[in-house]
Amino acid sequence: MSHGNVNLKLTWEIQPEDLNYDPLLLICFEGLVEQAHPYKFLAYQCSIDLLSASNSSNKIIPLLPKLIRSLRGALNSKYESICLKAVEVTKILSSKVKEKLNPYVKFFIQPINKLSYDM
């Protein structure tokens, strides 16, 4: 983790596309509900970096059932900041796995609908 004047940044010794996503991505998704600094930053940014890595789709798809559980928990959080970050992660996940996410959409509808009414 690199500390700047204002922004934190992750610096990877090994490029994200070269890492084993199981269990790393699972741990990051579980950490999306964290509220303590730096854990909340690490979980969110690591999730984004892993999802955004080139050719990550093949590593993500086998993990979808486990990822969805953690993501739904973050979407159901009582803290708006956690919910909004979970929505951002969901958008990136969706762009990576495309139609493979369709069977899991039913798990997102209620929490996202609730979030839209709470805002």
PDB file of N, CA and C in Angstrom:
ATOM      1  N   MET A   1       0.853  -1.163   0.000  1.00  0.00           N
ATOM      2  CA  MET A   1       0.000   0.000   0.000  1.00  0.00           C
ATOM      3  C   MET A   1       0.901   1.228   0.000  1.00  0.00           C
ATOM      4  N   SER A   2       0.679   2.107  -0.938  1.00  0.00           N
ATOM      5  CA  SER A   2       1.448   3.348  -1.032  1.00  0.00           C
ATOM      6  C   SER A   2       0.612   4.490  -0.483  1.00  0.00           C
ATOM      7  N   HIS A   3       1.218   5.257   0.410  1.00  0.00           N
ATOM      8  CA  HIS A   3       0.544   6.416   0.974  1.00  0.00           C
ATOM      9  C   HIS A   3       0.978   7.649   0.217  1.00  0.00           C
ATOM     10  N   GLY A   4       0.015   8.341  -0.341  1.00  0.00           N
ATOM     11  CA  GLY A   4       0.292   9.624  -0.971  1.00  0.00           C
ATOM     12  C   GLY A   4      -0.158  10.721  -0.034  1.00  0.00           C
ATOM     13  N   ASN A   5      -0.111  11.944  -0.498  1.00  0.00           N
ATOM     14  CA  ASN A   5      -0.579  13.048   0.339  1.00  0.00           C
ATOM     15  C   ASN A   5      -2.055  12.923   0.638  1.00  0.00           C
ATOM     16  N   VAL A   6      -2.821  12.505  -0.376  1.00  0.00           N
ATOM     17  CA  VAL A   6      -4.270  12.440  -0.219  1.00  0.00           C
ATOM     18  C   VAL A   6      -4.789  11.029  -0.462  1.00  0.00           C
ATOM     19  N   ASN A   7      -4.288  10.375  -1.489  1.00  0.00           N
ATOM     20  CA  ASN A   7      -4.844   9.094  -1.914  1.00  0.00           C
ATOM     21  C   ASN A   7      -3.951   7.916  -1.559  1.00  0.00           C
ATOM     22  N   LEU A   8      -4.594   6.823  -1.211  1.00  0.00           N
ATOM     23  CA  LEU A   8      -3.896   5.560  -1.031  1.00  0.00           C
ATOM     24  C   LEU A   8      -3.884   4.814  -2.350  1.00  0.00           C
ATOM     25  N   LYS A   9      -2.912   3.964  -2.525  1.00  0.00           N
ATOM     26  CA  LYS A   9      -2.795   3.228  -3.770  1.00  0.00           C
ATOM     27  C   LYS A   9      -2.165   1.874  -3.479  1.00  0.00           C
ATOM     28  N   LEU A  10      -2.635   0.844  -4.173  1.00  0.00           N
ATOM     29  CA  LEU A  10      -2.013  -0.468  -4.053  1.00  0.00           C
ATOM     30  C   LEU A  10      -0.899  -0.595  -5.075  1.00  0.00           C
ATOM     31  N   THR A  11       0.222  -1.101  -4.643  1.00  0.00           N
ATOM     32  CA  THR A  11       1.326  -1.396  -5.537  1.00  0.00           C
ATOM     33  C   THR A  11       1.547  -2.899  -5.482  1.00  0.00           C
ATOM     34  N   TRP A  12       1.471  -3.535  -6.626  1.00  0.00           N
ATOM     35  CA  TRP A  12       1.561  -4.986  -6.696  1.00  0.00           C
ATOM     36  C   TRP A  12       2.990  -5.427  -7.038  1.00  0.00           C
ATOM     37  N   GLU A  13       3.537  -6.355  -6.252  1.00  0.00           N
ATOM     38  CA  GLU A  13       4.834  -6.947  -6.583  1.00  0.00           C
ATOM     39  C   GLU A  13       4.670  -7.958  -7.708  1.00  0.00           C
ATOM     40  N   ILE A  14       3.551  -8.642  -7.693  1.00  0.00           N
ATOM     41  CA  ILE A  14       3.178  -9.574  -8.760  1.00  0.00           C
ATOM     42  C   ILE A  14       1.917  -9.002  -9.395  1.00  0.00           C
ATOM     43  N   GLN A  15       1.870  -8.961 -10.694  1.00  0.00           N
ATOM     44  CA  GLN A  15       0.701  -8.408 -11.381  1.00  0.00           C
ATOM     45  C   GLN A  15      -0.547  -9.218 -11.034  1.00  0.00           C
ATOM     46  N   PRO A  16      -1.692  -8.541 -10.844  1.00  0.00           N
ATOM     47  CA  PRO A  16      -2.922  -9.243 -10.462  1.00  0.00           C
ATOM     48  C   PRO A  16      -3.295 -10.397 -11.389  1.00  0.00           C
ATOM     49  N   GLU A  17      -3.063 -10.262 -12.686  1.00  0.00           N
ATOM     50  CA  GLU A  17      -3.433 -11.339 -13.613  1.00  0.00           C
ATOM     51  C   GLU A  17      -2.591 -12.598 -13.419  1.00  0.00           C
ATOM     52  N   ASP A  18      -1.469 -12.482 -12.711  1.00  0.00           N
ATOM     53  CA  ASP A  18      -0.597 -13.640 -12.472  1.00  0.00           C
ATOM     54  C   ASP A  18      -0.882 -14.332 -11.142  1.00  0.00           C
ATOM     55  N   LEU A  19      -1.802 -13.803 -10.366  1.00  0.00           N
ATOM     56  CA  LEU A  19      -2.114 -14.358  -9.045  1.00  0.00           C
ATOM     57  C   LEU A  19      -3.183 -15.443  -9.131  1.00  0.00           C
ATOM     58  N   ASN A  20      -3.201 -16.288  -8.112  1.00  0.00           N
ATOM     59  CA  ASN A  20      -4.254 -17.284  -7.959  1.00  0.00           C
ATOM     60  C   ASN A  20      -5.438 -16.590  -7.280  1.00  0.00           C
ATOM     61  N   TYR A  21      -6.570 -16.532  -7.940  1.00  0.00           N
ATOM     62  CA  TYR A  21      -7.727 -15.807  -7.420  1.00  0.00           C
ATOM     63  C   TYR A  21      -8.447 -16.544  -6.294  1.00  0.00           C
ATOM     64  N   ASP A  22      -8.226 -17.819  -6.197  1.00  0.00           N
ATOM     65  CA  ASP A  22      -8.830 -18.593  -5.114  1.00  0.00           C
ATOM     66  C   ASP A  22      -7.733 -18.896  -4.106  1.00  0.00           C
ATOM     67  N   PRO A  23      -7.717 -18.315  -2.961  1.00  0.00           N
ATOM     68  CA  PRO A  23      -8.773 -17.640  -2.204  1.00  0.00           C
ATOM     69  C   PRO A  23      -8.672 -16.116  -2.178  1.00  0.00           C
ATOM     70  N   LEU A  24      -7.713 -15.511  -2.853  1.00  0.00           N
ATOM     71  CA  LEU A  24      -7.481 -14.073  -2.708  1.00  0.00           C
ATOM     72  C   LEU A  24      -8.719 -13.231  -3.018  1.00  0.00           C
ATOM     73  N   LEU A  25      -9.363 -13.473  -4.148  1.00  0.00           N
ATOM     74  CA  LEU A  25     -10.544 -12.681  -4.507  1.00  0.00           C
ATOM     75  C   LEU A  25     -11.687 -12.942  -3.519  1.00  0.00           C
ATOM     76  N   LEU A  26     -11.802 -14.166  -3.064  1.00  0.00           N
ATOM     77  CA  LEU A  26     -12.843 -14.482  -2.074  1.00  0.00           C
ATOM     78  C   LEU A  26     -12.630 -13.691  -0.785  1.00  0.00           C
ATOM     79  N   ILE A  27     -11.398 -13.615  -0.336  1.00  0.00           N
ATOM     80  CA  ILE A  27     -11.080 -12.873   0.888  1.00  0.00           C
ATOM     81  C   ILE A  27     -11.386 -11.387   0.694  1.00  0.00           C
ATOM     82  N   CYS A  28     -11.045 -10.863  -0.472  1.00  0.00           N
ATOM     83  CA  CYS A  28     -11.321  -9.453  -0.748  1.00  0.00           C
ATOM     84  C   CYS A  28     -12.818  -9.168  -0.753  1.00  0.00           C
ATOM     85  N   PHE A  29     -13.592 -10.053  -1.366  1.00  0.00           N
ATOM     86  CA  PHE A  29     -15.043  -9.857  -1.384  1.00  0.00           C
ATOM     87  C   PHE A  29     -15.621  -9.952   0.028  1.00  0.00           C
ATOM     88  N   GLU A  30     -15.119 -10.856   0.837  1.00  0.00           N
ATOM     89  CA  GLU A  30     -15.577 -10.950   2.225  1.00  0.00           C
ATOM     90  C   GLU A  30     -15.246  -9.671   2.990  1.00  0.00           C
ATOM     91  N   GLY A  31     -14.136  -9.046   2.634  1.00  0.00           N
ATOM     92  CA  GLY A  31     -13.708  -7.827   3.302  1.00  0.00           C
ATOM     93  C   GLY A  31     -14.458  -6.578   2.895  1.00  0.00           C
ATOM     94  N   LEU A  32     -15.321  -6.675   1.893  1.00  0.00           N
ATOM     95  CA  LEU A  32     -16.072  -5.493   1.460  1.00  0.00           C
ATOM     96  C   LEU A  32     -16.972  -4.935   2.560  1.00  0.00           C
ATOM     97  N   VAL A  33     -17.277  -5.721   3.575  1.00  0.00           N
ATOM     98  CA  VAL A  33     -18.118  -5.236   4.677  1.00  0.00           C
ATOM     99  C   VAL A  33     -17.301  -4.568   5.783  1.00  0.00           C
ATOM    100  N   GLU A  34     -15.996  -4.552   5.643  1.00  0.00           N
ATOM    101  CA  GLU A  34     -15.123  -3.943   6.654  1.00  0.00           C
ATOM    102  C   GLU A  34     -15.371  -2.449   6.766  1.00  0.00           C
ATOM    103  N   GLN A  35     -15.233  -1.939   7.971  1.00  0.00           N
ATOM    104  CA  GLN A  35     -15.385  -0.516   8.199  1.00  0.00           C
ATOM    105  C   GLN A  35     -14.091   0.128   8.677  1.00  0.00           C
ATOM    106  N   ALA A  36     -13.160  -0.675   9.139  1.00  0.00           N
ATOM    107  CA  ALA A  36     -11.919  -0.139   9.699  1.00  0.00           C
ATOM    108  C   ALA A  36     -10.892   0.121   8.598  1.00  0.00           C
ATOM    109  N   HIS A  37     -10.198   1.231   8.746  1.00  0.00           N
ATOM    110  CA  HIS A  37      -9.112   1.574   7.842  1.00  0.00           C
ATOM    111  C   HIS A  37      -7.866   0.819   8.312  1.00  0.00           C
ATOM    112  N   PRO A  38      -7.069   0.253   7.458  1.00  0.00           N
ATOM    113  CA  PRO A  38      -7.022   0.242   6.010  1.00  0.00           C
ATOM    114  C   PRO A  38      -7.741  -0.951   5.378  1.00  0.00           C
ATOM    115  N   TYR A  39      -8.406  -1.769   6.194  1.00  0.00           N
ATOM    116  CA  TYR A  39      -9.009  -3.001   5.670  1.00  0.00           C
ATOM    117  C   TYR A  39     -10.076  -2.734   4.624  1.00  0.00           C
ATOM    118  N   LYS A  40     -10.898  -1.710   4.860  1.00  0.00           N
ATOM    119  CA  LYS A  40     -11.947  -1.409   3.882  1.00  0.00           C
ATOM    120  C   LYS A  40     -11.341  -0.960   2.560  1.00  0.00           C
ATOM    121  N   PHE A  41     -10.269  -0.176   2.612  1.00  0.00           N
ATOM    122  CA  PHE A  41      -9.589   0.240   1.389  1.00  0.00           C
ATOM    123  C   PHE A  41      -8.967  -0.958   0.680  1.00  0.00           C
ATOM    124  N   LEU A  42      -8.270  -1.794   1.430  1.00  0.00           N
ATOM    125  CA  LEU A  42      -7.587  -2.941   0.828  1.00  0.00           C
ATOM    126  C   LEU A  42      -8.575  -3.899   0.167  1.00  0.00           C
ATOM    127  N   ALA A  43      -9.664  -4.202   0.829  1.00  0.00           N
ATOM    128  CA  ALA A  43     -10.647  -5.138   0.279  1.00  0.00           C
ATOM    129  C   ALA A  43     -11.260  -4.586  -1.006  1.00  0.00           C
ATOM    130  N   TYR A  44     -11.629  -3.323  -0.980  1.00  0.00           N
ATOM    131  CA  TYR A  44     -12.258  -2.704  -2.153  1.00  0.00           C
ATOM    132  C   TYR A  44     -11.269  -2.584  -3.312  1.00  0.00           C
ATOM    133  N   GLN A  45     -10.112  -2.001  -3.061  1.00  0.00           N
ATOM    134  CA  GLN A  45      -9.158  -1.761  -4.141  1.00  0.00           C
ATOM    135  C   GLN A  45      -8.589  -3.057  -4.704  1.00  0.00           C
ATOM    136  N   CYS A  46      -8.340  -4.012  -3.848  1.00  0.00           N
ATOM    137  CA  CYS A  46      -7.851  -5.308  -4.305  1.00  0.00           C
ATOM    138  C   CYS A  46      -8.912  -5.994  -5.167  1.00  0.00           C
ATOM    139  N   SER A  47     -10.168  -5.913  -4.768  1.00  0.00           N
ATOM    140  CA  SER A  47     -11.257  -6.487  -5.568  1.00  0.00           C
ATOM    141  C   SER A  47     -11.302  -5.844  -6.943  1.00  0.00           C
ATOM    142  N   ILE A  48     -11.222  -4.522  -6.979  1.00  0.00           N
ATOM    143  CA  ILE A  48     -11.250  -3.788  -8.249  1.00  0.00           C
ATOM    144  C   ILE A  48     -10.069  -4.194  -9.126  1.00  0.00           C
ATOM    145  N   ASP A  49      -8.885  -4.224  -8.546  1.00  0.00           N
ATOM    146  CA  ASP A  49      -7.683  -4.559  -9.317  1.00  0.00           C
ATOM    147  C   ASP A  49      -7.737  -5.976  -9.875  1.00  0.00           C
ATOM    148  N   LEU A  50      -8.192  -6.918  -9.057  1.00  0.00           N
ATOM    149  CA  LEU A  50      -8.272  -8.304  -9.520  1.00  0.00           C
ATOM    150  C   LEU A  50      -9.332  -8.469 -10.602  1.00  0.00           C
ATOM    151  N   LEU A  51     -10.485  -7.842 -10.396  1.00  0.00           N
ATOM    152  CA  LEU A  51     -11.549  -7.944 -11.399  1.00  0.00           C
ATOM    153  C   LEU A  51     -11.150  -7.273 -12.711  1.00  0.00           C
ATOM    154  N   SER A  52     -10.412  -6.194 -12.626  1.00  0.00           N
ATOM    155  CA  SER A  52     -10.049  -5.424 -13.809  1.00  0.00           C
ATOM    156  C   SER A  52      -8.837  -5.976 -14.558  1.00  0.00           C
ATOM    157  N   ALA A  53      -8.157  -6.936 -13.981  1.00  0.00           N
ATOM    158  CA  ALA A  53      -6.954  -7.483 -14.616  1.00  0.00           C
ATOM    159  C   ALA A  53      -7.312  -8.138 -15.953  1.00  0.00           C
ATOM    160  N   SER A  54      -6.351  -8.114 -16.852  1.00  0.00           N
ATOM    161  CA  SER A  54      -6.596  -8.722 -18.160  1.00  0.00           C
ATOM    162  C   SER A  54      -6.771 -10.235 -18.016  1.00  0.00           C
ATOM    163  N   ASN A  55      -7.686 -10.769 -18.787  1.00  0.00           N
ATOM    164  CA  ASN A  55      -7.981 -12.207 -18.807  1.00  0.00           C
ATOM    165  C   ASN A  55      -8.394 -12.756 -17.442  1.00  0.00           C
ATOM    166  N   SER A  56      -9.004 -11.933 -16.608  1.00  0.00           N
ATOM    167  CA  SER A  56      -9.417 -12.398 -15.285  1.00  0.00           C
ATOM    168  C   SER A  56     -10.721 -13.192 -15.322  1.00  0.00           C
ATOM    169  N   SER A  57     -11.482 -13.079 -16.388  1.00  0.00           N
ATOM    170  CA  SER A  57     -12.788 -13.740 -16.462  1.00  0.00           C
ATOM    171  C   SER A  57     -12.693 -15.236 -16.194  1.00  0.00           C
ATOM    172  N   ASN A  58     -11.704 -15.885 -16.755  1.00  0.00           N
ATOM    173  CA  ASN A  58     -11.558 -17.332 -16.580  1.00  0.00           C
ATOM    174  C   ASN A  58     -11.270 -17.717 -15.139  1.00  0.00           C
ATOM    175  N   LYS A  59     -10.675 -16.819 -14.380  1.00  0.00           N
ATOM    176  CA  LYS A  59     -10.394 -17.087 -12.972  1.00  0.00           C
ATOM    177  C   LYS A  59     -11.599 -16.749 -12.083  1.00  0.00           C
ATOM    178  N   ILE A  60     -12.423 -15.824 -12.546  1.00  0.00           N
ATOM    179  CA  ILE A  60     -13.560 -15.355 -11.751  1.00  0.00           C
ATOM    180  C   ILE A  60     -14.747 -16.303 -11.848  1.00  0.00           C
ATOM    181  N   ILE A  61     -15.056 -16.776 -13.036  1.00  0.00           N
ATOM    182  CA  ILE A  61     -16.271 -17.568 -13.274  1.00  0.00           C
ATOM    183  C   ILE A  61     -16.397 -18.769 -12.340  1.00  0.00           C
ATOM    184  N   PRO A  62     -15.353 -19.566 -12.116  1.00  0.00           N
ATOM    185  CA  PRO A  62     -15.522 -20.703 -11.189  1.00  0.00           C
ATOM    186  C   PRO A  62     -15.802 -20.285  -9.747  1.00  0.00           C
ATOM    187  N   LEU A  63     -15.476 -19.053  -9.399  1.00  0.00           N
ATOM    188  CA  LEU A  63     -15.663 -18.571  -8.029  1.00  0.00           C
ATOM    189  C   LEU A  63     -16.996 -17.864  -7.805  1.00  0.00           C
ATOM    190  N   LEU A  64     -17.773 -17.687  -8.866  1.00  0.00           N
ATOM    191  CA  LEU A  64     -19.007 -16.891  -8.770  1.00  0.00           C
ATOM    192  C   LEU A  64     -19.929 -17.289  -7.620  1.00  0.00           C
ATOM    193  N   PRO A  65     -20.252 -18.569  -7.421  1.00  0.00           N
ATOM    194  CA  PRO A  65     -21.182 -18.881  -6.318  1.00  0.00           C
ATOM    195  C   PRO A  65     -20.700 -18.379  -4.961  1.00  0.00           C
ATOM    196  N   LYS A  66     -19.419 -18.474  -4.704  1.00  0.00           N
ATOM    197  CA  LYS A  66     -18.875 -18.010  -3.422  1.00  0.00           C
ATOM    198  C   LYS A  66     -18.791 -16.489  -3.375  1.00  0.00           C
ATOM    199  N   LEU A  67     -18.449 -15.872  -4.486  1.00  0.00           N
ATOM    200  CA  LEU A  67     -18.350 -14.412  -4.537  1.00  0.00           C
ATOM    201  C   LEU A  67     -19.706 -13.762  -4.318  1.00  0.00           C
ATOM    202  N   ILE A  68     -20.734 -14.376  -4.878  1.00  0.00           N
ATOM    203  CA  ILE A  68     -22.087 -13.804  -4.787  1.00  0.00           C
ATOM    204  C   ILE A  68     -22.540 -13.726  -3.335  1.00  0.00           C
ATOM    205  N   ARG A  69     -22.232 -14.733  -2.550  1.00  0.00           N
ATOM    206  CA  ARG A  69     -22.614 -14.741  -1.137  1.00  0.00           C
ATOM    207  C   ARG A  69     -22.039 -13.515  -0.412  1.00  0.00           C
ATOM    208  N   SER A  70     -20.760 -13.283  -0.615  1.00  0.00           N
ATOM    209  CA  SER A  70     -20.106 -12.152   0.055  1.00  0.00           C
ATOM    210  C   SER A  70     -20.603 -10.822  -0.488  1.00  0.00           C
ATOM    211  N   LEU A  71     -20.806 -10.755  -1.780  1.00  0.00           N
ATOM    212  CA  LEU A  71     -21.267  -9.521  -2.401  1.00  0.00           C
ATOM    213  C   LEU A  71     -22.674  -9.167  -1.925  1.00  0.00           C
ATOM    214  N   ARG A  72     -23.510 -10.159  -1.797  1.00  0.00           N
ATOM    215  CA  ARG A  72     -24.873  -9.910  -1.304  1.00  0.00           C
ATOM    216  C   ARG A  72     -24.836  -9.388   0.134  1.00  0.00           C
ATOM    217  N   GLY A  73     -23.929  -9.941   0.935  1.00  0.00           N
ATOM    218  CA  GLY A  73     -23.781  -9.448   2.301  1.00  0.00           C
ATOM    219  C   GLY A  73     -23.391  -7.981   2.344  1.00  0.00           C
ATOM    220  N   ALA A  74     -22.495  -7.582   1.447  1.00  0.00           N
ATOM    221  CA  ALA A  74     -22.086  -6.173   1.388  1.00  0.00           C
ATOM    222  C   ALA A  74     -23.235  -5.294   0.889  1.00  0.00           C
ATOM    223  N   LEU A  75     -23.990  -5.791  -0.069  1.00  0.00           N
ATOM    224  CA  LEU A  75     -25.134  -5.022  -0.581  1.00  0.00           C
ATOM    225  C   LEU A  75     -26.226  -4.859   0.475  1.00  0.00           C
ATOM    226  N   ASN A  76     -26.310  -5.782   1.400  1.00  0.00           N
ATOM    227  CA  ASN A  76     -27.309  -5.727   2.471  1.00  0.00           C
ATOM    228  C   ASN A  76     -26.828  -4.959   3.700  1.00  0.00           C
ATOM    229  N   SER A  77     -25.645  -4.394   3.639  1.00  0.00           N
ATOM    230  CA  SER A  77     -25.093  -3.680   4.787  1.00  0.00           C
ATOM    231  C   SER A  77     -25.978  -2.501   5.176  1.00  0.00           C
ATOM    232  N   LYS A  78     -25.982  -2.180   6.447  1.00  0.00           N
ATOM    233  CA  LYS A  78     -26.741  -1.019   6.898  1.00  0.00           C
ATOM    234  C   LYS A  78     -25.986   0.284   6.647  1.00  0.00           C
ATOM    235  N   TYR A  79     -24.741   0.178   6.196  1.00  0.00           N
ATOM    236  CA  TYR A  79     -23.924   1.352   5.918  1.00  0.00           C
ATOM    237  C   TYR A  79     -23.941   1.665   4.429  1.00  0.00           C
ATOM    238  N   GLU A  80     -24.372   2.859   4.097  1.00  0.00           N
ATOM    239  CA  GLU A  80     -24.515   3.262   2.704  1.00  0.00           C
ATOM    240  C   GLU A  80     -23.188   3.197   1.949  1.00  0.00           C
ATOM    241  N   SER A  81     -22.085   3.573   2.588  1.00  0.00           N
ATOM    242  CA  SER A  81     -20.787   3.571   1.908  1.00  0.00           C
ATOM    243  C   SER A  81     -20.387   2.161   1.485  1.00  0.00           C
ATOM    244  N   ILE A  82     -20.686   1.184   2.306  1.00  0.00           N
ATOM    245  CA  ILE A  82     -20.384  -0.214   1.966  1.00  0.00           C
ATOM    246  C   ILE A  82     -21.267  -0.663   0.811  1.00  0.00           C
ATOM    247  N   CYS A  83     -22.537  -0.316   0.863  1.00  0.00           N
ATOM    248  CA  CYS A  83     -23.471  -0.684  -0.210  1.00  0.00           C
ATOM    249  C   CYS A  83     -23.042  -0.096  -1.548  1.00  0.00           C
ATOM    250  N   LEU A  84     -22.650   1.155  -1.536  1.00  0.00           N
ATOM    251  CA  LEU A  84     -22.267   1.817  -2.788  1.00  0.00           C
ATOM    252  C   LEU A  84     -20.996   1.211  -3.376  1.00  0.00           C
ATOM    253  N   LYS A  85     -20.051   0.862  -2.530  1.00  0.00           N
ATOM    254  CA  LYS A  85     -18.843   0.203  -3.031  1.00  0.00           C
ATOM    255  C   LYS A  85     -19.182  -1.185  -3.570  1.00  0.00           C
ATOM    256  N   ALA A  86     -20.108  -1.870  -2.927  1.00  0.00           N
ATOM    257  CA  ALA A  86     -20.533  -3.182  -3.407  1.00  0.00           C
ATOM    258  C   ALA A  86     -21.213  -3.067  -4.774  1.00  0.00           C
ATOM    259  N   VAL A  87     -21.964  -1.997  -4.991  1.00  0.00           N
ATOM    260  CA  VAL A  87     -22.587  -1.772  -6.300  1.00  0.00           C
ATOM    261  C   VAL A  87     -21.508  -1.555  -7.356  1.00  0.00           C
ATOM    262  N   GLU A  88     -20.486  -0.788  -7.029  1.00  0.00           N
ATOM    263  CA  GLU A  88     -19.385  -0.565  -7.973  1.00  0.00           C
ATOM    264  C   GLU A  88     -18.686  -1.876  -8.322  1.00  0.00           C
ATOM    265  N   VAL A  89     -18.435  -2.692  -7.325  1.00  0.00           N
ATOM    266  CA  VAL A  89     -17.801  -3.996  -7.561  1.00  0.00           C
ATOM    267  C   VAL A  89     -18.709  -4.870  -8.414  1.00  0.00           C
ATOM    268  N   THR A  90     -20.003  -4.825  -8.163  1.00  0.00           N
ATOM    269  CA  THR A  90     -20.966  -5.603  -8.940  1.00  0.00           C
ATOM    270  C   THR A  90     -20.949  -5.186 -10.409  1.00  0.00           C
ATOM    271  N   LYS A  91     -20.850  -3.891 -10.659  1.00  0.00           N
ATOM    272  CA  LYS A  91     -20.801  -3.413 -12.043  1.00  0.00           C
ATOM    273  C   LYS A  91     -19.562  -3.934 -12.770  1.00  0.00           C
ATOM    274  N   ILE A  92     -18.431  -3.904 -12.107  1.00  0.00           N
ATOM    275  CA  ILE A  92     -17.201  -4.397 -12.732  1.00  0.00           C
ATOM    276  C   ILE A  92     -17.273  -5.906 -12.924  1.00  0.00           C
ATOM    277  N   LEU A  93     -17.784  -6.609 -11.911  1.00  0.00           N
ATOM    278  CA  LEU A  93     -17.948  -8.060 -12.016  1.00  0.00           C
ATOM    279  C   LEU A  93     -18.840  -8.401 -13.202  1.00  0.00           C
ATOM    280  N   SER A  94     -19.928  -7.686 -13.347  1.00  0.00           N
ATOM    281  CA  SER A  94     -20.862  -7.916 -14.440  1.00  0.00           C
ATOM    282  C   SER A  94     -20.205  -7.704 -15.803  1.00  0.00           C
ATOM    283  N   SER A  95     -19.395  -6.682 -15.913  1.00  0.00           N
ATOM    284  CA  SER A  95     -18.732  -6.416 -17.195  1.00  0.00           C
ATOM    285  C   SER A  95     -17.703  -7.491 -17.536  1.00  0.00           C
ATOM    286  N   LYS A  96     -17.176  -8.172 -16.519  1.00  0.00           N
ATOM    287  CA  LYS A  96     -16.176  -9.205 -16.755  1.00  0.00           C
ATOM    288  C   LYS A  96     -16.789 -10.566 -17.091  1.00  0.00           C
ATOM    289  N   VAL A  97     -17.853 -10.933 -16.391  1.00  0.00           N
ATOM    290  CA  VAL A  97     -18.409 -12.286 -16.576  1.00  0.00           C
ATOM    291  C   VAL A  97     -19.670 -12.288 -17.425  1.00  0.00           C
ATOM    292  N   LYS A  98     -20.183 -11.126 -17.737  1.00  0.00           N
ATOM    293  CA  LYS A  98     -21.339 -10.934 -18.612  1.00  0.00           C
ATOM    294  C   LYS A  98     -22.502 -11.862 -18.256  1.00  0.00           C
ATOM    295  N   GLU A  99     -22.976 -12.675 -19.197  1.00  0.00           N
ATOM    296  CA  GLU A  99     -24.179 -13.499 -18.985  1.00  0.00           C
ATOM    297  C   GLU A  99     -24.000 -14.582 -17.928  1.00  0.00           C
ATOM    298  N   LYS A 100     -22.786 -14.866 -17.532  1.00  0.00           N
ATOM    299  CA  LYS A 100     -22.553 -15.864 -16.467  1.00  0.00           C
ATOM    300  C   LYS A 100     -23.108 -15.378 -15.132  1.00  0.00           C
ATOM    301  N   LEU A 101     -23.356 -14.081 -15.014  1.00  0.00           N
ATOM    302  CA  LEU A 101     -23.910 -13.518 -13.785  1.00  0.00           C
ATOM    303  C   LEU A 101     -25.436 -13.629 -13.738  1.00  0.00           C
ATOM    304  N   ASN A 102     -26.066 -13.893 -14.869  1.00  0.00           N
ATOM    305  CA  ASN A 102     -27.532 -13.923 -14.943  1.00  0.00           C
ATOM    306  C   ASN A 102     -28.207 -14.818 -13.901  1.00  0.00           C
ATOM    307  N   PRO A 103     -27.716 -16.042 -13.635  1.00  0.00           N
ATOM    308  CA  PRO A 103     -28.392 -16.871 -12.636  1.00  0.00           C
ATOM    309  C   PRO A 103     -28.368 -16.281 -11.223  1.00  0.00           C
ATOM    310  N   TYR A 104     -27.496 -15.309 -10.993  1.00  0.00           N
ATOM    311  CA  TYR A 104     -27.337 -14.749  -9.653  1.00  0.00           C
ATOM    312  C   TYR A 104     -28.011 -13.392  -9.480  1.00  0.00           C
ATOM    313  N   VAL A 105     -28.576 -12.853 -10.547  1.00  0.00           N
ATOM    314  CA  VAL A 105     -29.190 -11.523 -10.484  1.00  0.00           C
ATOM    315  C   VAL A 105     -30.293 -11.474  -9.432  1.00  0.00           C
ATOM    316  N   LYS A 106     -31.004 -12.559  -9.253  1.00  0.00           N
ATOM    317  CA  LYS A 106     -32.100 -12.583  -8.270  1.00  0.00           C
ATOM    318  C   LYS A 106     -31.614 -12.276  -6.850  1.00  0.00           C
ATOM    319  N   PHE A 107     -30.331 -12.546  -6.575  1.00  0.00           N
ATOM    320  CA  PHE A 107     -29.780 -12.271  -5.253  1.00  0.00           C
ATOM    321  C   PHE A 107     -29.455 -10.794  -5.049  1.00  0.00           C
ATOM    322  N   PHE A 108     -29.401 -10.034  -6.136  1.00  0.00           N
ATOM    323  CA  PHE A 108     -29.045  -8.623  -6.062  1.00  0.00           C
ATOM    324  C   PHE A 108     -30.245  -7.692  -6.096  1.00  0.00           C
ATOM    325  N   ILE A 109     -31.353  -8.149  -6.623  1.00  0.00           N
ATOM    326  CA  ILE A 109     -32.501  -7.269  -6.862  1.00  0.00           C
ATOM    327  C   ILE A 109     -33.010  -6.636  -5.575  1.00  0.00           C
ATOM    328  N   GLN A 110     -33.271  -7.437  -4.556  1.00  0.00           N
ATOM    329  CA  GLN A 110     -33.816  -6.891  -3.317  1.00  0.00           C
ATOM    330  C   GLN A 110     -32.867  -5.901  -2.643  1.00  0.00           C
ATOM    331  N   PRO A 111     -31.571  -6.251  -2.432  1.00  0.00           N
ATOM    332  CA  PRO A 111     -30.708  -5.271  -1.761  1.00  0.00           C
ATOM    333  C   PRO A 111     -30.508  -3.982  -2.562  1.00  0.00           C
ATOM    334  N   ILE A 112     -30.402  -4.080  -3.879  1.00  0.00           N
ATOM    335  CA  ILE A 112     -30.213  -2.871  -4.677  1.00  0.00           C
ATOM    336  C   ILE A 112     -31.492  -2.039  -4.699  1.00  0.00           C
ATOM    337  N   ASN A 113     -32.633  -2.694  -4.762  1.00  0.00           N
ATOM    338  CA  ASN A 113     -33.914  -1.986  -4.704  1.00  0.00           C
ATOM    339  C   ASN A 113     -34.050  -1.254  -3.364  1.00  0.00           C
ATOM    340  N   LYS A 114     -33.699  -1.939  -2.272  1.00  0.00           N
ATOM    341  CA  LYS A 114     -33.767  -1.326  -0.941  1.00  0.00           C
ATOM    342  C   LYS A 114     -32.825  -0.136  -0.866  1.00  0.00           C
ATOM    343  N   LEU A 115     -31.640  -0.286  -1.427  1.00  0.00           N
ATOM    344  CA  LEU A 115     -30.662   0.804  -1.430  1.00  0.00           C
ATOM    345  C   LEU A 115     -31.200   2.018  -2.181  1.00  0.00           C
ATOM    346  N   SER A 116     -31.880   1.799  -3.269  1.00  0.00           N
ATOM    347  CA  SER A 116     -32.409   2.922  -4.049  1.00  0.00           C
ATOM    348  C   SER A 116     -33.485   3.691  -3.277  1.00  0.00           C
ATOM    349  N   TYR A 117     -34.242   2.998  -2.416  1.00  0.00           N
ATOM    350  CA  TYR A 117     -35.258   3.684  -1.609  1.00  0.00           C
ATOM    351  C   TYR A 117     -34.639   4.399  -0.405  1.00  0.00           C
ATOM    352  N   ASP A 118     -33.541   3.852   0.097  1.00  0.00           N
ATOM    353  CA  ASP A 118     -32.906   4.454   1.277  1.00  0.00           C
ATOM    354  C   ASP A 118     -32.134   5.717   0.955  1.00  0.00           C
ATOM    355  N   MET A 119     -31.781   5.903  -0.305  1.00  0.00           N
ATOM    356  CA  MET A 119     -30.947   7.068  -0.666  1.00  0.00           C
ATOM    357  C   MET A 119     -31.773   8.269  -0.871  1.00  0.00           C
TER     358      MET A 119
END
